[in-house]
Amino acid sequence: MAYAIIRSGGKQFRVEQGATVRVPLMDKEAGATVELETLIVGGGEGETRIGAPLVDGAGVNATVVDHGRGEKIIVFKKKRRKQYKRTQGHRQDYTTLKIDSIG
């Protein structure tokens, strides 16, 4: 099974053809196709191409499925004996991509 390591939003993801992956929010409409930066492409026959920093001639095409927000996390800060406590919540925005082809 062929795989690729892509970069999106400053993070790296290992993807395979037909898989869905959540990446940081992209400014694309649902249904649009995007081409992602490819760092490593690995084939089923043991051939692996590593880019410096990107693999020449390789591309990963994906379709934007939808956008959403992740689970809420709580950020709690405290300094003992100083009467200091702060609570803050955070939800990360994401885009769901369906990998169409690795070439």
PDB file of N, CA and C in Angstrom:
ATOM      1  N   MET A   1       0.851  -1.182   0.000  1.00  0.00           N
ATOM      2  CA  MET A   1       0.000   0.000   0.000  1.00  0.00           C
ATOM      3  C   MET A   1       0.888   1.234   0.000  1.00  0.00           C
ATOM      4  N   ALA A   2       0.634   2.127  -0.914  1.00  0.00           N
ATOM      5  CA  ALA A   2       1.418   3.354  -1.019  1.00  0.00           C
ATOM      6  C   ALA A   2       0.965   4.346   0.049  1.00  0.00           C
ATOM      7  N   TYR A   3       1.898   5.090   0.561  1.00  0.00           N
ATOM      8  CA  TYR A   3       1.587   6.108   1.553  1.00  0.00           C
ATOM      9  C   TYR A   3       2.426   7.345   1.261  1.00  0.00           C
ATOM     10  N   ALA A   4       2.062   8.437   1.919  1.00  0.00           N
ATOM     11  CA  ALA A   4       2.811   9.681   1.783  1.00  0.00           C
ATOM     12  C   ALA A   4       2.737  10.423   3.095  1.00  0.00           C
ATOM     13  N   ILE A   5       3.734  11.229   3.346  1.00  0.00           N
ATOM     14  CA  ILE A   5       3.723  12.121   4.500  1.00  0.00           C
ATOM     15  C   ILE A   5       3.572  13.526   3.941  1.00  0.00           C
ATOM     16  N   ILE A   6       2.501  14.197   4.366  1.00  0.00           N
ATOM     17  CA  ILE A   6       2.191  15.520   3.849  1.00  0.00           C
ATOM     18  C   ILE A   6       2.365  16.554   4.950  1.00  0.00           C
ATOM     19  N   ARG A   7       2.425  17.825   4.534  1.00  0.00           N
ATOM     20  CA  ARG A   7       2.526  18.925   5.490  1.00  0.00           C
ATOM     21  C   ARG A   7       1.358  19.862   5.235  1.00  0.00           C
ATOM     22  N   SER A   8       0.646  20.181   6.320  1.00  0.00           N
ATOM     23  CA  SER A   8      -0.481  21.105   6.224  1.00  0.00           C
ATOM     24  C   SER A   8      -0.611  21.838   7.551  1.00  0.00           C
ATOM     25  N   GLY A   9      -0.614  23.138   7.508  1.00  0.00           N
ATOM     26  CA  GLY A   9      -0.776  23.934   8.724  1.00  0.00           C
ATOM     27  C   GLY A   9       0.375  23.788   9.689  1.00  0.00           C
ATOM     28  N   GLY A  10       1.574  23.506   9.188  1.00  0.00           N
ATOM     29  CA  GLY A  10       2.735  23.366  10.056  1.00  0.00           C
ATOM     30  C   GLY A  10       2.833  22.017  10.735  1.00  0.00           C
ATOM     31  N   LYS A  11       1.947  21.092  10.405  1.00  0.00           N
ATOM     32  CA  LYS A  11       1.975  19.753  10.987  1.00  0.00           C
ATOM     33  C   LYS A  11       2.149  18.727   9.880  1.00  0.00           C
ATOM     34  N   GLN A  12       2.590  17.536  10.252  1.00  0.00           N
ATOM     35  CA  GLN A  12       2.809  16.480   9.279  1.00  0.00           C
ATOM     36  C   GLN A  12       1.850  15.325   9.543  1.00  0.00           C
ATOM     37  N   PHE A  13       1.359  14.717   8.454  1.00  0.00           N
ATOM     38  CA  PHE A  13       0.387  13.637   8.549  1.00  0.00           C
ATOM     39  C   PHE A  13       0.779  12.517   7.600  1.00  0.00           C
ATOM     40  N   ARG A  14       0.585  11.272   8.036  1.00  0.00           N
ATOM     41  CA  ARG A  14       0.811  10.102   7.179  1.00  0.00           C
ATOM     42  C   ARG A  14      -0.538   9.729   6.581  1.00  0.00           C
ATOM     43  N   VAL A  15      -0.616   9.693   5.253  1.00  0.00           N
ATOM     44  CA  VAL A  15      -1.892   9.439   4.577  1.00  0.00           C
ATOM     45  C   VAL A  15      -1.745   8.306   3.578  1.00  0.00           C
ATOM     46  N   GLU A  16      -2.854   7.654   3.297  1.00  0.00           N
ATOM     47  CA  GLU A  16      -2.949   6.619   2.280  1.00  0.00           C
ATOM     48  C   GLU A  16      -4.129   6.956   1.382  1.00  0.00           C
ATOM     49  N   GLN A  17      -4.135   6.393   0.205  1.00  0.00           N
ATOM     50  CA  GLN A  17      -5.204   6.675  -0.741  1.00  0.00           C
ATOM     51  C   GLN A  17      -6.530   6.155  -0.202  1.00  0.00           C
ATOM     52  N   GLY A  18      -7.574   6.992  -0.270  1.00  0.00           N
ATOM     53  CA  GLY A  18      -8.896   6.625   0.200  1.00  0.00           C
ATOM     54  C   GLY A  18      -9.154   6.950   1.657  1.00  0.00           C
ATOM     55  N   ALA A  19      -8.133   7.360   2.394  1.00  0.00           N
ATOM     56  CA  ALA A  19      -8.285   7.656   3.819  1.00  0.00           C
ATOM     57  C   ALA A  19      -8.808   9.080   4.012  1.00  0.00           C
ATOM     58  N   THR A  20      -9.382   9.334   5.187  1.00  0.00           N
ATOM     59  CA  THR A  20      -9.770  10.688   5.558  1.00  0.00           C
ATOM     60  C   THR A  20      -8.882  11.137   6.699  1.00  0.00           C
ATOM     61  N   VAL A  21      -8.550  12.417   6.704  1.00  0.00           N
ATOM     62  CA  VAL A  21      -7.642  12.961   7.712  1.00  0.00           C
ATOM     63  C   VAL A  21      -8.126  14.358   8.092  1.00  0.00           C
ATOM     64  N   ARG A  22      -7.979  14.705   9.382  1.00  0.00           N
ATOM     65  CA  ARG A  22      -8.321  16.039   9.869  1.00  0.00           C
ATOM     66  C   ARG A  22      -7.046  16.869   9.952  1.00  0.00           C
ATOM     67  N   VAL A  23      -7.032  17.971   9.239  1.00  0.00           N
ATOM     68  CA  VAL A  23      -5.884  18.883   9.235  1.00  0.00           C
ATOM     69  C   VAL A  23      -6.346  20.223   9.788  1.00  0.00           C
ATOM     70  N   PRO A  24      -5.420  21.105  10.203  1.00  0.00           N
ATOM     71  CA  PRO A  24      -5.832  22.443  10.644  1.00  0.00           C
ATOM     72  C   PRO A  24      -6.627  23.160   9.553  1.00  0.00           C
ATOM     73  N   LEU A  25      -7.458  24.078   9.966  1.00  0.00           N
ATOM     74  CA  LEU A  25      -8.415  24.740   9.089  1.00  0.00           C
ATOM     75  C   LEU A  25      -7.766  25.299   7.823  1.00  0.00           C
ATOM     76  N   MET A  26      -8.375  24.966   6.682  1.00  0.00           N
ATOM     77  CA  MET A  26      -7.930  25.473   5.387  1.00  0.00           C
ATOM     78  C   MET A  26      -9.015  26.398   4.829  1.00  0.00           C
ATOM     79  N   ASP A  27      -8.603  27.387   4.075  1.00  0.00           N
ATOM     80  CA  ASP A  27      -9.538  28.358   3.507  1.00  0.00           C
ATOM     81  C   ASP A  27     -10.029  27.865   2.147  1.00  0.00           C
ATOM     82  N   LYS A  28     -10.729  26.735   2.139  1.00  0.00           N
ATOM     83  CA  LYS A  28     -11.283  26.135   0.919  1.00  0.00           C
ATOM     84  C   LYS A  28     -12.735  25.763   1.187  1.00  0.00           C
ATOM     85  N   GLU A  29     -13.524  25.779   0.124  1.00  0.00           N
ATOM     86  CA  GLU A  29     -14.924  25.382   0.231  1.00  0.00           C
ATOM     87  C   GLU A  29     -15.046  23.856   0.247  1.00  0.00           C
ATOM     88  N   ALA A  30     -16.128  23.357   0.840  1.00  0.00           N
ATOM     89  CA  ALA A  30     -16.384  21.917   0.825  1.00  0.00           C
ATOM     90  C   ALA A  30     -16.607  21.468  -0.615  1.00  0.00           C
ATOM     91  N   GLY A  31     -15.972  20.373  -0.995  1.00  0.00           N
ATOM     92  CA  GLY A  31     -16.063  19.861  -2.349  1.00  0.00           C
ATOM     93  C   GLY A  31     -14.911  20.281  -3.243  1.00  0.00           C
ATOM     94  N   ALA A  32     -14.101  21.236  -2.793  1.00  0.00           N
ATOM     95  CA  ALA A  32     -12.960  21.697  -3.589  1.00  0.00           C
ATOM     96  C   ALA A  32     -11.827  20.681  -3.514  1.00  0.00           C
ATOM     97  N   THR A  33     -10.987  20.655  -4.540  1.00  0.00           N
ATOM     98  CA  THR A  33      -9.819  19.773  -4.532  1.00  0.00           C
ATOM     99  C   THR A  33      -8.584  20.603  -4.224  1.00  0.00           C
ATOM    100  N   VAL A  34      -7.672  20.009  -3.472  1.00  0.00           N
ATOM    101  CA  VAL A  34      -6.436  20.688  -3.092  1.00  0.00           C
ATOM    102  C   VAL A  34      -5.257  19.761  -3.355  1.00  0.00           C
ATOM    103  N   GLU A  35      -4.097  20.358  -3.612  1.00  0.00           N
ATOM    104  CA  GLU A  35      -2.861  19.596  -3.742  1.00  0.00           C
ATOM    105  C   GLU A  35      -1.999  19.941  -2.540  1.00  0.00           C
ATOM    106  N   LEU A  36      -1.504  18.927  -1.853  1.00  0.00           N
ATOM    107  CA  LEU A  36      -0.791  19.118  -0.596  1.00  0.00           C
ATOM    108  C   LEU A  36       0.713  18.970  -0.785  1.00  0.00           C
ATOM    109  N   GLU A  37       1.483  19.642   0.068  1.00  0.00           N
ATOM    110  CA  GLU A  37       2.939  19.535   0.040  1.00  0.00           C
ATOM    111  C   GLU A  37       3.346  18.135   0.472  1.00  0.00           C
ATOM    112  N   THR A  38       4.153  17.470  -0.337  1.00  0.00           N
ATOM    113  CA  THR A  38       4.535  16.089  -0.073  1.00  0.00           C
ATOM    114  C   THR A  38       5.990  16.038   0.376  1.00  0.00           C
ATOM    115  N   LEU A  39       6.232  15.467   1.564  1.00  0.00           N
ATOM    116  CA  LEU A  39       7.576  15.370   2.114  1.00  0.00           C
ATOM    117  C   LEU A  39       8.219  14.021   1.815  1.00  0.00           C
ATOM    118  N   ILE A  40       7.459  12.938   1.970  1.00  0.00           N
ATOM    119  CA  ILE A  40       7.971  11.585   1.746  1.00  0.00           C
ATOM    120  C   ILE A  40       6.900  10.786   1.012  1.00  0.00           C
ATOM    121  N   VAL A  41       7.313  10.001   0.025  1.00  0.00           N
ATOM    122  CA  VAL A  41       6.401   9.087  -0.659  1.00  0.00           C
ATOM    123  C   VAL A  41       6.978   7.690  -0.530  1.00  0.00           C
ATOM    124  N   GLY A  42       6.191   6.762   0.003  1.00  0.00           N
ATOM    125  CA  GLY A  42       6.631   5.382   0.147  1.00  0.00           C
ATOM    126  C   GLY A  42       5.766   4.472  -0.687  1.00  0.00           C
ATOM    127  N   GLY A  43       6.400   3.564  -1.407  1.00  0.00           N
ATOM    128  CA  GLY A  43       5.656   2.641  -2.256  1.00  0.00           C
ATOM    129  C   GLY A  43       5.566   1.271  -1.629  1.00  0.00           C
ATOM    130  N   GLY A  44       4.756   0.425  -2.227  1.00  0.00           N
ATOM    131  CA  GLY A  44       4.584  -0.926  -1.728  1.00  0.00           C
ATOM    132  C   GLY A  44       5.756  -1.830  -2.061  1.00  0.00           C
ATOM    133  N   GLU A  45       6.566  -1.478  -3.063  1.00  0.00           N
ATOM    134  CA  GLU A  45       7.670  -2.330  -3.487  1.00  0.00           C
ATOM    135  C   GLU A  45       8.960  -2.023  -2.734  1.00  0.00           C
ATOM    136  N   GLY A  46       8.876  -1.236  -1.691  1.00  0.00           N
ATOM    137  CA  GLY A  46      10.068  -0.923  -0.914  1.00  0.00           C
ATOM    138  C   GLY A  46      10.803   0.313  -1.395  1.00  0.00           C
ATOM    139  N   GLU A  47      10.264   1.002  -2.381  1.00  0.00           N
ATOM    140  CA  GLU A  47      10.918   2.218  -2.842  1.00  0.00           C
ATOM    141  C   GLU A  47      10.336   3.401  -2.079  1.00  0.00           C
ATOM    142  N   THR A  48      11.203   4.178  -1.469  1.00  0.00           N
ATOM    143  CA  THR A  48      10.792   5.343  -0.712  1.00  0.00           C
ATOM    144  C   THR A  48      11.544   6.542  -1.238  1.00  0.00           C
ATOM    145  N   ARG A  49      10.797   7.597  -1.552  1.00  0.00           N
ATOM    146  CA  ARG A  49      11.414   8.830  -2.013  1.00  0.00           C
ATOM    147  C   ARG A  49      11.274   9.876  -0.933  1.00  0.00           C
ATOM    148  N   ILE A  50      12.388  10.484  -0.561  1.00  0.00           N
ATOM    149  CA  ILE A  50      12.409  11.497   0.482  1.00  0.00           C
ATOM    150  C   ILE A  50      12.795  12.823  -0.160  1.00  0.00           C
ATOM    151  N   GLY A  51      12.025  13.857   0.132  1.00  0.00           N
ATOM    152  CA  GLY A  51      12.265  15.168  -0.450  1.00  0.00           C
ATOM    153  C   GLY A  51      13.203  16.005   0.381  1.00  0.00           C
ATOM    154  N   ALA A  52      13.726  17.059  -0.256  1.00  0.00           N
ATOM    155  CA  ALA A  52      14.612  17.977   0.447  1.00  0.00           C
ATOM    156  C   ALA A  52      14.255  19.410   0.083  1.00  0.00           C
ATOM    157  N   PRO A  53      13.226  20.036   0.590  1.00  0.00           N
ATOM    158  CA  PRO A  53      12.265  19.510   1.569  1.00  0.00           C
ATOM    159  C   PRO A  53      11.071  18.802   0.937  1.00  0.00           C
ATOM    160  N   LEU A  54      10.779  19.040  -0.369  1.00  0.00           N
ATOM    161  CA  LEU A  54       9.625  18.409  -0.998  1.00  0.00           C
ATOM    162  C   LEU A  54      10.073  17.418  -2.058  1.00  0.00           C
ATOM    163  N   VAL A  55       9.247  16.412  -2.326  1.00  0.00           N
ATOM    164  CA  VAL A  55       9.540  15.409  -3.354  1.00  0.00           C
ATOM    165  C   VAL A  55       9.170  16.002  -4.710  1.00  0.00           C
ATOM    166  N   ASP A  56      10.120  16.016  -5.636  1.00  0.00           N
ATOM    167  CA  ASP A  56       9.867  16.546  -6.974  1.00  0.00           C
ATOM    168  C   ASP A  56       8.972  15.588  -7.758  1.00  0.00           C
ATOM    169  N   GLY A  57       7.967  16.133  -8.415  1.00  0.00           N
ATOM    170  CA  GLY A  57       7.102  15.333  -9.269  1.00  0.00           C
ATOM    171  C   GLY A  57       6.047  14.529  -8.533  1.00  0.00           C
ATOM    172  N   ALA A  58       6.013  14.607  -7.231  1.00  0.00           N
ATOM    173  CA  ALA A  58       5.013  13.858  -6.463  1.00  0.00           C
ATOM    174  C   ALA A  58       3.943  14.820  -5.976  1.00  0.00           C
ATOM    175  N   GLY A  59       2.729  14.347  -5.952  1.00  0.00           N
ATOM    176  CA  GLY A  59       1.636  15.175  -5.468  1.00  0.00           C
ATOM    177  C   GLY A  59       0.584  14.335  -4.795  1.00  0.00           C
ATOM    178  N   VAL A  60      -0.028  14.899  -3.796  1.00  0.00           N
ATOM    179  CA  VAL A  60      -1.140  14.251  -3.112  1.00  0.00           C
ATOM    180  C   VAL A  60      -2.353  15.135  -3.348  1.00  0.00           C
ATOM    181  N   ASN A  61      -3.361  14.587  -4.020  1.00  0.00           N
ATOM    182  CA  ASN A  61      -4.595  15.319  -4.290  1.00  0.00           C
ATOM    183  C   ASN A  61      -5.658  14.866  -3.310  1.00  0.00           C
ATOM    184  N   ALA A  62      -6.388  15.841  -2.767  1.00  0.00           N
ATOM    185  CA  ALA A  62      -7.417  15.545  -1.774  1.00  0.00           C
ATOM    186  C   ALA A  62      -8.645  16.399  -2.057  1.00  0.00           C
ATOM    187  N   THR A  63      -9.778  15.947  -1.535  1.00  0.00           N
ATOM    188  CA  THR A  63     -11.037  16.672  -1.650  1.00  0.00           C
ATOM    189  C   THR A  63     -11.462  17.111  -0.256  1.00  0.00           C
ATOM    190  N   VAL A  64     -11.887  18.366  -0.137  1.00  0.00           N
ATOM    191  CA  VAL A  64     -12.365  18.884   1.146  1.00  0.00           C
ATOM    192  C   VAL A  64     -13.753  18.316   1.400  1.00  0.00           C
ATOM    193  N   VAL A  65     -13.905  17.606   2.521  1.00  0.00           N
ATOM    194  CA  VAL A  65     -15.191  17.005   2.869  1.00  0.00           C
ATOM    195  C   VAL A  65     -16.032  18.002   3.658  1.00  0.00           C
ATOM    196  N   ASP A  66     -15.489  18.504   4.762  1.00  0.00           N
ATOM    197  CA  ASP A  66     -16.206  19.488   5.564  1.00  0.00           C
ATOM    198  C   ASP A  66     -15.250  20.194   6.510  1.00  0.00           C
ATOM    199  N   HIS A  67     -15.802  21.148   7.264  1.00  0.00           N
ATOM    200  CA  HIS A  67     -15.062  21.883   8.280  1.00  0.00           C
ATOM    201  C   HIS A  67     -15.770  21.664   9.610  1.00  0.00           C
ATOM    202  N   GLY A  68     -15.022  21.782  10.703  1.00  0.00           N
ATOM    203  CA  GLY A  68     -15.636  21.604  12.012  1.00  0.00           C
ATOM    204  C   GLY A  68     -14.742  22.126  13.120  1.00  0.00           C
ATOM    205  N   ARG A  69     -15.168  21.849  14.337  1.00  0.00           N
ATOM    206  CA  ARG A  69     -14.406  22.251  15.515  1.00  0.00           C
ATOM    207  C   ARG A  69     -14.215  21.033  16.398  1.00  0.00           C
ATOM    208  N   GLY A  70     -13.016  20.900  16.951  1.00  0.00           N
ATOM    209  CA  GLY A  70     -12.674  19.757  17.787  1.00  0.00           C
ATOM    210  C   GLY A  70     -13.315  19.834  19.155  1.00  0.00           C
ATOM    211  N   GLU A  71     -12.986  18.849  19.976  1.00  0.00           N
ATOM    212  CA  GLU A  71     -13.490  18.801  21.338  1.00  0.00           C
ATOM    213  C   GLU A  71     -12.911  19.949  22.161  1.00  0.00           C
ATOM    214  N   LYS A  72     -13.667  20.387  23.152  1.00  0.00           N
ATOM    215  CA  LYS A  72     -13.217  21.474  24.010  1.00  0.00           C
ATOM    216  C   LYS A  72     -12.185  20.959  25.002  1.00  0.00           C
ATOM    217  N   ILE A  73     -11.101  21.720  25.134  1.00  0.00           N
ATOM    218  CA  ILE A  73     -10.104  21.407  26.154  1.00  0.00           C
ATOM    219  C   ILE A  73     -10.082  22.549  27.159  1.00  0.00           C
ATOM    220  N   ILE A  74      -9.687  22.243  28.365  1.00  0.00           N
ATOM    221  CA  ILE A  74      -9.623  23.230  29.434  1.00  0.00           C
ATOM    222  C   ILE A  74      -8.168  23.566  29.708  1.00  0.00           C
ATOM    223  N   VAL A  75      -7.859  24.858  29.709  1.00  0.00           N
ATOM    224  CA  VAL A  75      -6.521  25.339  30.043  1.00  0.00           C
ATOM    225  C   VAL A  75      -6.625  25.953  31.437  1.00  0.00           C
ATOM    226  N   PHE A  76      -5.921  25.374  32.401  1.00  0.00           N
ATOM    227  CA  PHE A  76      -5.996  25.841  33.793  1.00  0.00           C
ATOM    228  C   PHE A  76      -4.610  26.228  34.268  1.00  0.00           C
ATOM    229  N   LYS A  77      -4.498  27.449  34.768  1.00  0.00           N
ATOM    230  CA  LYS A  77      -3.223  27.940  35.293  1.00  0.00           C
ATOM    231  C   LYS A  77      -3.402  28.261  36.768  1.00  0.00           C
ATOM    232  N   LYS A  78      -2.377  27.921  37.538  1.00  0.00           N
ATOM    233  CA  LYS A  78      -2.452  28.182  38.979  1.00  0.00           C
ATOM    234  C   LYS A  78      -1.051  28.419  39.509  1.00  0.00           C
ATOM    235  N   LYS A  79      -0.937  29.397  40.411  1.00  0.00           N
ATOM    236  CA  LYS A  79       0.305  29.607  41.157  1.00  0.00           C
ATOM    237  C   LYS A  79      -0.047  29.450  42.630  1.00  0.00           C
ATOM    238  N   ARG A  80       0.544  28.461  43.243  1.00  0.00           N
ATOM    239  CA  ARG A  80       0.155  28.156  44.609  1.00  0.00           C
ATOM    240  C   ARG A  80       0.563  29.274  45.568  1.00  0.00           C
ATOM    241  N   ARG A  81      -0.266  29.441  46.561  1.00  0.00           N
ATOM    242  CA  ARG A  81      -0.080  30.429  47.630  1.00  0.00           C
ATOM    243  C   ARG A  81      -0.081  31.872  47.128  1.00  0.00           C
ATOM    244  N   LYS A  82      -0.522  32.126  45.933  1.00  0.00           N
ATOM    245  CA  LYS A  82      -0.546  33.496  45.396  1.00  0.00           C
ATOM    246  C   LYS A  82      -1.961  33.951  45.031  1.00  0.00           C
ATOM    247  N   GLN A  83      -2.967  33.116  45.317  1.00  0.00           N
ATOM    248  CA  GLN A  83      -4.354  33.428  44.980  1.00  0.00           C
ATOM    249  C   GLN A  83      -4.531  33.699  43.485  1.00  0.00           C
ATOM    250  N   TYR A  84      -3.825  32.909  42.647  1.00  0.00           N
ATOM    251  CA  TYR A  84      -3.893  33.087  41.193  1.00  0.00           C
ATOM    252  C   TYR A  84      -4.413  31.817  40.553  1.00  0.00           C
ATOM    253  N   LYS A  85      -5.577  31.908  39.914  1.00  0.00           N
ATOM    254  CA  LYS A  85      -6.151  30.793  39.167  1.00  0.00           C
ATOM    255  C   LYS A  85      -6.833  31.366  37.931  1.00  0.00           C
ATOM    256  N   ARG A  86      -6.590  30.761  36.785  1.00  0.00           N
ATOM    257  CA  ARG A  86      -7.230  31.170  35.538  1.00  0.00           C
ATOM    258  C   ARG A  86      -7.684  29.923  34.791  1.00  0.00           C
ATOM    259  N   THR A  87      -8.914  29.936  34.327  1.00  0.00           N
ATOM    260  CA  THR A  87      -9.459  28.840  33.536  1.00  0.00           C
ATOM    261  C   THR A  87      -9.872  29.392  32.186  1.00  0.00           C
ATOM    262  N   GLN A  88      -9.494  28.664  31.141  1.00  0.00           N
ATOM    263  CA  GLN A  88      -9.835  29.090  29.788  1.00  0.00           C
ATOM    264  C   GLN A  88     -10.121  27.856  28.959  1.00  0.00           C
ATOM    265  N   GLY A  89     -11.093  27.940  28.066  1.00  0.00           N
ATOM    266  CA  GLY A  89     -11.424  26.838  27.178  1.00  0.00           C
ATOM    267  C   GLY A  89     -10.902  27.107  25.778  1.00  0.00           C
ATOM    268  N   HIS A  90     -10.772  26.034  24.986  1.00  0.00           N
ATOM    269  CA  HIS A  90     -10.278  26.177  23.619  1.00  0.00           C
ATOM    270  C   HIS A  90     -10.836  25.057  22.758  1.00  0.00           C
ATOM    271  N   ARG A  91     -11.237  25.407  21.533  1.00  0.00           N
ATOM    272  CA  ARG A  91     -11.659  24.420  20.537  1.00  0.00           C
ATOM    273  C   ARG A  91     -10.903  24.710  19.255  1.00  0.00           C
ATOM    274  N   GLN A  92     -10.249  23.697  18.716  1.00  0.00           N
ATOM    275  CA  GLN A  92      -9.437  23.863  17.520  1.00  0.00           C
ATOM    276  C   GLN A  92     -10.288  23.640  16.270  1.00  0.00           C
ATOM    277  N   ASP A  93     -10.178  24.545  15.306  1.00  0.00           N
ATOM    278  CA  ASP A  93     -10.866  24.383  14.025  1.00  0.00           C
ATOM    279  C   ASP A  93     -10.107  23.387  13.155  1.00  0.00           C
ATOM    280  N   TYR A  94     -10.850  22.602  12.358  1.00  0.00           N
ATOM    281  CA  TYR A  94     -10.199  21.626  11.488  1.00  0.00           C
ATOM    282  C   TYR A  94     -10.931  21.512  10.158  1.00  0.00           C
ATOM    283  N   THR A  95     -10.250  20.924   9.191  1.00  0.00           N
ATOM    284  CA  THR A  95     -10.816  20.599   7.890  1.00  0.00           C
ATOM    285  C   THR A  95     -10.628  19.104   7.669  1.00  0.00           C
ATOM    286  N   THR A  96     -11.674  18.425   7.233  1.00  0.00           N
ATOM    287  CA  THR A  96     -11.590  17.003   6.935  1.00  0.00           C
ATOM    288  C   THR A  96     -11.315  16.839   5.445  1.00  0.00           C
ATOM    289  N   LEU A  97     -10.243  16.088   5.133  1.00  0.00           N
ATOM    290  CA  LEU A  97      -9.850  15.842   3.747  1.00  0.00           C
ATOM    291  C   LEU A  97      -9.981  14.355   3.427  1.00  0.00           C
ATOM    292  N   LYS A  98     -10.400  14.052   2.208  1.00  0.00           N
ATOM    293  CA  LYS A  98     -10.402  12.678   1.708  1.00  0.00           C
ATOM    294  C   LYS A  98      -9.305  12.586   0.644  1.00  0.00           C
ATOM    295  N   ILE A  99      -8.360  11.685   0.852  1.00  0.00           N
ATOM    296  CA  ILE A  99      -7.222  11.557  -0.054  1.00  0.00           C
ATOM    297  C   ILE A  99      -7.668  10.826  -1.302  1.00  0.00           C
ATOM    298  N   ASP A 100      -7.559  11.497  -2.454  1.00  0.00           N
ATOM    299  CA  ASP A 100      -7.982  10.917  -3.731  1.00  0.00           C
ATOM    300  C   ASP A 100      -6.872  10.133  -4.399  1.00  0.00           C
ATOM    301  N   SER A 101      -5.682  10.729  -4.483  1.00  0.00           N
ATOM    302  CA  SER A 101      -4.597  10.046  -5.194  1.00  0.00           C
ATOM    303  C   SER A 101      -3.244  10.466  -4.639  1.00  0.00           C
ATOM    304  N   ILE A 102      -2.309   9.538  -4.713  1.00  0.00           N
ATOM    305  CA  ILE A 102      -0.912   9.791  -4.357  1.00  0.00           C
ATOM    306  C   ILE A 102      -0.117   9.482  -5.601  1.00  0.00           C
ATOM    307  N   GLY A 103       0.559  10.507  -6.138  1.00  0.00           N
ATOM    308  CA  GLY A 103       1.265  10.283  -7.385  1.00  0.00           C
ATOM    309  C   GLY A 103       2.696  10.710  -7.375  1.00  0.00           C
TER     310      GLY A 103
END
